[in-house]
C-alpha cells in the first residue's frame, strides 16, 4: 500500500511528506487516534470525508474539523458506455493520466462544509 501511495503521488506530481502513525508514536483508536496524530504533527485543521459526520467525535478535537463534500467527476473509462463512479484513483489514472487532477479540481472547486 505504501509503495502504491508513493506511485500515485508521483504520477499526480503531488509533493507531500508521508509519515506513518507508527513513526510519530500515535496511540488510541478511532477519533482518539486521529486527534493524537493531529496533535503530534501540529495540524491546525482536520479535513474529513463527508462520511466522518457519522462517526467522528468533533468535541475531542482542539482544532477546526471540516467535512469535504466530494463531487465525483466524470471521466472517460475505456471500454465502458456508461460512467461507473466511485472507482479508485488507479482507475482514474489509467483512464485519464495525470490530467485527472484538473478534472477533480474543476468538479470540486474546494467545496467543504
N, C-alpha and C. Protein backbone atom coordinates (compact mmCIF):
# COMPACT_ATOMS: atom_id res chain seq x y z
N UNK A 1 0.82 -1.20 0.00
CA UNK A 1 0.00 0.00 0.00
C UNK A 1 0.86 1.26 0.00
N UNK A 2 1.93 1.23 0.77
CA UNK A 2 2.79 2.41 0.85
C UNK A 2 3.45 2.68 -0.50
N UNK A 3 3.90 1.64 -1.18
CA UNK A 3 4.52 1.81 -2.50
C UNK A 3 3.50 2.35 -3.49
N UNK A 4 2.28 1.84 -3.43
CA UNK A 4 1.22 2.30 -4.32
C UNK A 4 0.91 3.77 -4.06
N UNK A 5 0.83 4.15 -2.79
CA UNK A 5 0.58 5.55 -2.43
C UNK A 5 1.67 6.45 -3.02
N UNK A 6 2.93 6.06 -2.88
CA UNK A 6 4.02 6.87 -3.40
C UNK A 6 3.98 6.93 -4.93
N UNK A 7 3.59 5.84 -5.58
CA UNK A 7 3.45 5.84 -7.04
C UNK A 7 2.37 6.83 -7.47
N UNK A 8 1.21 6.79 -6.81
CA UNK A 8 0.11 7.71 -7.15
C UNK A 8 0.54 9.15 -6.95
N UNK A 9 1.17 9.46 -5.83
CA UNK A 9 1.64 10.83 -5.58
C UNK A 9 2.62 11.27 -6.65
N UNK A 10 3.50 10.37 -7.06
CA UNK A 10 4.48 10.69 -8.10
C UNK A 10 3.80 10.97 -9.44
N UNK A 11 2.87 10.10 -9.85
CA UNK A 11 2.17 10.29 -11.13
C UNK A 11 1.42 11.62 -11.13
N UNK A 12 0.79 11.95 -10.01
CA UNK A 12 -0.01 13.17 -9.93
C UNK A 12 0.83 14.41 -9.60
N UNK A 13 2.13 14.20 -9.44
CA UNK A 13 3.07 15.28 -9.12
C UNK A 13 2.65 16.04 -7.86
N UNK A 14 2.27 15.26 -6.85
CA UNK A 14 1.92 15.82 -5.54
C UNK A 14 3.12 15.65 -4.63
N UNK A 15 3.67 16.75 -4.19
CA UNK A 15 4.83 16.70 -3.30
C UNK A 15 4.38 16.95 -1.88
N UNK A 16 4.40 15.89 -1.10
CA UNK A 16 3.98 15.97 0.29
C UNK A 16 4.78 14.95 1.09
N UNK A 17 5.09 15.29 2.32
CA UNK A 17 5.79 14.36 3.18
C UNK A 17 4.78 13.34 3.70
N UNK A 18 5.09 12.07 3.55
CA UNK A 18 4.22 11.00 4.05
C UNK A 18 4.86 10.43 5.30
N UNK A 19 4.09 10.41 6.38
CA UNK A 19 4.57 9.90 7.65
C UNK A 19 3.56 8.89 8.17
N UNK A 20 4.03 7.76 8.64
CA UNK A 20 3.11 6.77 9.21
C UNK A 20 2.86 7.09 10.69
N UNK A 21 1.72 6.67 11.17
CA UNK A 21 1.37 6.93 12.57
C UNK A 21 2.36 6.27 13.51
N UNK A 22 2.92 5.14 13.11
CA UNK A 22 3.90 4.46 13.97
C UNK A 22 5.20 5.26 14.08
N UNK A 23 5.55 6.01 13.04
CA UNK A 23 6.76 6.84 13.08
C UNK A 23 6.68 7.93 14.13
N UNK A 24 5.47 8.43 14.38
CA UNK A 24 5.32 9.53 15.34
C UNK A 24 4.81 9.04 16.69
N UNK A 25 4.62 7.72 16.82
CA UNK A 25 4.19 7.15 18.10
C UNK A 25 2.75 7.47 18.45
N UNK A 26 1.90 7.59 17.45
CA UNK A 26 0.49 7.90 17.71
C UNK A 26 -0.19 6.70 18.37
N UNK A 27 -1.09 7.00 19.29
CA UNK A 27 -1.81 5.94 20.00
C UNK A 27 -3.29 6.26 20.04
N UNK A 28 -4.06 5.26 20.41
CA UNK A 28 -5.50 5.44 20.52
C UNK A 28 -6.22 4.69 19.43
N UNK A 29 -7.52 4.83 19.42
CA UNK A 29 -8.36 4.18 18.40
C UNK A 29 -9.43 5.17 17.97
N UNK A 30 -9.89 4.99 16.75
CA UNK A 30 -10.96 5.80 16.19
C UNK A 30 -10.64 7.29 16.29
N UNK A 31 -11.54 8.09 16.81
CA UNK A 31 -11.33 9.54 16.89
C UNK A 31 -10.10 9.88 17.72
N UNK A 32 -9.87 9.14 18.81
CA UNK A 32 -8.72 9.42 19.67
C UNK A 32 -7.40 9.29 18.90
N UNK A 33 -7.31 8.32 18.02
CA UNK A 33 -6.10 8.15 17.21
C UNK A 33 -5.92 9.33 16.26
N UNK A 34 -6.99 9.74 15.62
CA UNK A 34 -6.91 10.88 14.69
C UNK A 34 -6.50 12.14 15.44
N UNK A 35 -7.08 12.36 16.60
CA UNK A 35 -6.74 13.54 17.40
C UNK A 35 -5.26 13.49 17.80
N UNK A 36 -4.77 12.32 18.21
CA UNK A 36 -3.37 12.19 18.61
C UNK A 36 -2.45 12.47 17.43
N UNK A 37 -2.80 11.96 16.25
CA UNK A 37 -1.98 12.23 15.06
C UNK A 37 -1.96 13.73 14.76
N UNK A 38 -3.13 14.35 14.78
CA UNK A 38 -3.20 15.80 14.53
C UNK A 38 -2.33 16.58 15.51
N UNK A 39 -2.40 16.20 16.79
CA UNK A 39 -1.59 16.88 17.81
C UNK A 39 -0.10 16.68 17.57
N UNK A 40 0.29 15.47 17.23
CA UNK A 40 1.71 15.17 17.07
C UNK A 40 2.32 15.81 15.82
N UNK A 41 1.53 16.06 14.81
CA UNK A 41 2.07 16.70 13.60
C UNK A 41 1.82 18.21 13.59
N UNK A 42 1.15 18.72 14.61
CA UNK A 42 0.92 20.17 14.69
C UNK A 42 -0.13 20.67 13.72
N UNK A 43 -1.14 19.84 13.44
CA UNK A 43 -2.20 20.23 12.50
C UNK A 43 -2.98 21.43 13.03
N UNK A 44 -3.41 22.31 12.11
CA UNK A 44 -4.25 23.44 12.52
C UNK A 44 -5.68 23.27 12.03
N UNK A 45 -5.95 22.14 11.33
CA UNK A 45 -7.29 21.83 10.84
C UNK A 45 -7.32 20.36 10.46
N UNK A 46 -8.49 19.71 10.62
CA UNK A 46 -8.66 18.34 10.16
C UNK A 46 -9.77 18.33 9.12
N UNK A 47 -9.47 17.77 7.95
CA UNK A 47 -10.46 17.69 6.88
C UNK A 47 -10.81 16.23 6.68
N UNK A 48 -12.08 15.92 6.82
CA UNK A 48 -12.58 14.55 6.69
C UNK A 48 -13.49 14.44 5.49
N UNK A 49 -13.66 13.24 5.00
CA UNK A 49 -14.70 12.98 4.01
C UNK A 49 -16.05 13.14 4.69
N UNK A 50 -17.10 13.30 3.91
CA UNK A 50 -18.44 13.54 4.44
C UNK A 50 -18.90 12.39 5.33
N UNK A 51 -18.40 11.17 5.10
CA UNK A 51 -18.76 10.02 5.93
C UNK A 51 -18.35 10.19 7.38
N UNK A 52 -17.36 11.05 7.64
CA UNK A 52 -16.91 11.30 9.01
C UNK A 52 -18.00 11.89 9.89
N UNK A 53 -19.01 12.50 9.28
CA UNK A 53 -20.14 13.02 10.06
C UNK A 53 -20.81 11.91 10.87
N UNK A 54 -20.69 10.67 10.39
CA UNK A 54 -21.36 9.55 11.04
C UNK A 54 -20.57 8.92 12.18
N UNK A 55 -19.29 9.26 12.31
CA UNK A 55 -18.51 8.59 13.36
C UNK A 55 -17.54 9.47 14.13
N UNK A 56 -17.09 10.58 13.57
CA UNK A 56 -16.12 11.42 14.29
C UNK A 56 -16.76 12.10 15.49
N UNK A 57 -16.03 12.13 16.57
CA UNK A 57 -16.46 12.85 17.77
C UNK A 57 -15.77 14.22 17.75
N UNK A 58 -16.41 15.19 17.09
CA UNK A 58 -15.80 16.51 16.87
C UNK A 58 -15.38 17.19 18.16
N UNK A 59 -16.10 16.94 19.25
CA UNK A 59 -15.79 17.62 20.51
C UNK A 59 -14.42 17.24 21.06
N UNK A 60 -13.82 16.17 20.57
CA UNK A 60 -12.50 15.75 21.04
C UNK A 60 -11.36 16.53 20.37
N UNK A 61 -11.66 17.23 19.31
CA UNK A 61 -10.63 17.99 18.59
C UNK A 61 -10.46 19.37 19.20
N UNK A 62 -9.21 19.82 19.25
CA UNK A 62 -8.93 21.19 19.70
C UNK A 62 -8.70 22.11 18.50
N UNK A 63 -8.88 21.56 17.30
CA UNK A 63 -8.71 22.31 16.06
C UNK A 63 -10.01 22.21 15.26
N UNK A 64 -10.22 23.11 14.31
CA UNK A 64 -11.44 23.01 13.48
C UNK A 64 -11.48 21.70 12.69
N UNK A 65 -12.68 21.17 12.52
CA UNK A 65 -12.91 19.97 11.71
C UNK A 65 -13.84 20.38 10.57
N UNK A 66 -13.43 20.08 9.34
CA UNK A 66 -14.24 20.37 8.17
C UNK A 66 -14.57 19.06 7.47
N UNK A 67 -15.72 19.03 6.81
CA UNK A 67 -16.14 17.85 6.07
C UNK A 67 -16.24 18.19 4.59
N UNK A 68 -15.49 17.46 3.79
CA UNK A 68 -15.46 17.71 2.35
C UNK A 68 -16.65 17.03 1.68
N UNK A 69 -17.33 17.76 0.85
CA UNK A 69 -18.40 17.20 0.02
C UNK A 69 -17.81 16.98 -1.37
N UNK A 70 -17.32 15.78 -1.60
CA UNK A 70 -16.66 15.45 -2.85
C UNK A 70 -17.68 15.24 -3.95
N UNK A 71 -17.56 16.00 -5.01
CA UNK A 71 -18.40 15.82 -6.20
C UNK A 71 -17.61 14.96 -7.17
N UNK A 72 -18.09 13.75 -7.39
CA UNK A 72 -17.35 12.82 -8.23
C UNK A 72 -17.31 13.31 -9.67
N UNK A 73 -16.12 13.54 -10.23
CA UNK A 73 -16.03 13.96 -11.62
C UNK A 73 -16.30 12.78 -12.56
N UNK A 74 -16.79 13.09 -13.71
CA UNK A 74 -17.00 12.07 -14.74
C UNK A 74 -15.83 12.16 -15.72
N UNK A 75 -15.27 11.03 -16.03
CA UNK A 75 -14.17 10.98 -16.99
C UNK A 75 -14.37 9.75 -17.87
N UNK A 76 -13.64 9.69 -18.96
CA UNK A 76 -13.76 8.57 -19.89
C UNK A 76 -13.16 7.32 -19.27
N UNK A 77 -13.95 6.27 -19.24
CA UNK A 77 -13.46 4.97 -18.81
C UNK A 77 -13.47 4.08 -20.05
N UNK A 78 -12.30 3.70 -20.49
CA UNK A 78 -12.16 2.93 -21.73
C UNK A 78 -12.92 1.62 -21.64
N UNK A 79 -13.66 1.32 -22.72
CA UNK A 79 -14.41 0.08 -22.79
C UNK A 79 -15.76 0.12 -22.11
N UNK A 80 -16.18 1.29 -21.60
CA UNK A 80 -17.47 1.42 -20.94
C UNK A 80 -18.33 2.44 -21.67
N UNK A 81 -19.61 2.15 -21.77
CA UNK A 81 -20.54 3.10 -22.38
C UNK A 81 -21.06 4.08 -21.34
N UNK A 82 -21.26 3.60 -20.11
CA UNK A 82 -21.74 4.46 -19.03
C UNK A 82 -20.65 4.57 -17.97
N UNK A 83 -20.55 5.76 -17.37
CA UNK A 83 -19.55 6.00 -16.35
C UNK A 83 -19.87 5.22 -15.08
N UNK A 84 -18.89 4.55 -14.53
CA UNK A 84 -19.02 3.82 -13.27
C UNK A 84 -18.28 4.62 -12.20
N UNK A 85 -19.01 5.30 -11.28
CA UNK A 85 -18.36 6.15 -10.28
C UNK A 85 -17.79 5.35 -9.11
N UNK A 86 -17.06 6.05 -8.29
CA UNK A 86 -16.52 5.52 -7.02
C UNK A 86 -15.49 4.41 -7.23
N UNK A 87 -14.77 4.49 -8.31
CA UNK A 87 -13.65 3.57 -8.52
C UNK A 87 -12.43 4.21 -7.82
N UNK A 88 -11.31 3.58 -7.90
CA UNK A 88 -10.13 4.09 -7.22
C UNK A 88 -9.41 5.14 -8.06
N UNK A 89 -8.46 5.81 -7.44
CA UNK A 89 -7.61 6.75 -8.16
C UNK A 89 -6.83 6.03 -9.24
N UNK A 90 -6.57 4.75 -9.04
CA UNK A 90 -5.87 3.96 -10.05
C UNK A 90 -6.69 3.90 -11.34
N UNK A 91 -8.00 3.72 -11.22
CA UNK A 91 -8.88 3.73 -12.39
C UNK A 91 -8.77 5.06 -13.11
N UNK A 92 -8.82 6.13 -12.36
CA UNK A 92 -8.75 7.47 -12.96
C UNK A 92 -7.42 7.69 -13.67
N UNK A 93 -6.33 7.29 -13.03
CA UNK A 93 -5.00 7.47 -13.64
C UNK A 93 -4.87 6.62 -14.90
N UNK A 94 -5.30 5.38 -14.84
CA UNK A 94 -5.15 4.50 -16.01
C UNK A 94 -6.03 4.95 -17.16
N UNK A 95 -7.17 5.57 -16.88
CA UNK A 95 -8.07 6.01 -17.94
C UNK A 95 -7.76 7.41 -18.45
N UNK A 96 -7.27 8.28 -17.60
CA UNK A 96 -7.07 9.68 -17.97
C UNK A 96 -5.60 10.09 -17.91
N UNK A 97 -4.88 9.59 -16.94
CA UNK A 97 -3.50 10.01 -16.72
C UNK A 97 -3.43 11.12 -15.70
N UNK A 98 -2.28 11.75 -15.56
CA UNK A 98 -2.10 12.79 -14.54
C UNK A 98 -3.07 13.96 -14.67
N UNK A 99 -3.64 14.15 -15.85
CA UNK A 99 -4.59 15.26 -16.06
C UNK A 99 -5.85 15.10 -15.21
N UNK A 100 -6.03 13.93 -14.58
CA UNK A 100 -7.22 13.70 -13.75
C UNK A 100 -7.32 14.74 -12.64
N UNK A 101 -6.19 15.26 -12.18
CA UNK A 101 -6.23 16.26 -11.11
C UNK A 101 -6.97 17.51 -11.55
N UNK A 102 -6.80 17.93 -12.80
CA UNK A 102 -7.53 19.09 -13.31
C UNK A 102 -9.03 18.82 -13.33
N UNK A 103 -9.41 17.60 -13.69
CA UNK A 103 -10.83 17.23 -13.72
C UNK A 103 -11.40 17.23 -12.30
N UNK A 104 -10.66 16.69 -11.36
CA UNK A 104 -11.12 16.66 -9.96
C UNK A 104 -11.26 18.07 -9.41
N UNK A 105 -10.26 18.90 -9.66
CA UNK A 105 -10.31 20.28 -9.16
C UNK A 105 -11.50 21.04 -9.75
N UNK A 106 -11.76 20.87 -11.04
CA UNK A 106 -12.85 21.60 -11.66
C UNK A 106 -14.21 21.11 -11.16
N UNK A 107 -14.31 19.84 -10.77
CA UNK A 107 -15.57 19.29 -10.28
C UNK A 107 -15.85 19.70 -8.85
N UNK A 108 -14.82 20.05 -8.09
CA UNK A 108 -14.99 20.28 -6.66
C UNK A 108 -14.77 21.72 -6.20
N UNK A 109 -13.93 22.44 -6.86
CA UNK A 109 -13.68 23.85 -6.50
C UNK A 109 -13.48 24.06 -5.02
N UNK A 110 -12.85 23.10 -4.33
CA UNK A 110 -12.54 23.27 -2.92
C UNK A 110 -13.76 23.32 -2.01
N UNK A 111 -14.89 22.75 -2.41
CA UNK A 111 -16.12 22.83 -1.60
C UNK A 111 -15.99 22.00 -0.33
N UNK A 112 -16.29 22.63 0.80
CA UNK A 112 -16.29 21.93 2.09
C UNK A 112 -17.45 22.45 2.91
N UNK A 113 -17.90 21.63 3.82
CA UNK A 113 -18.99 22.05 4.71
C UNK A 113 -18.40 22.64 5.97
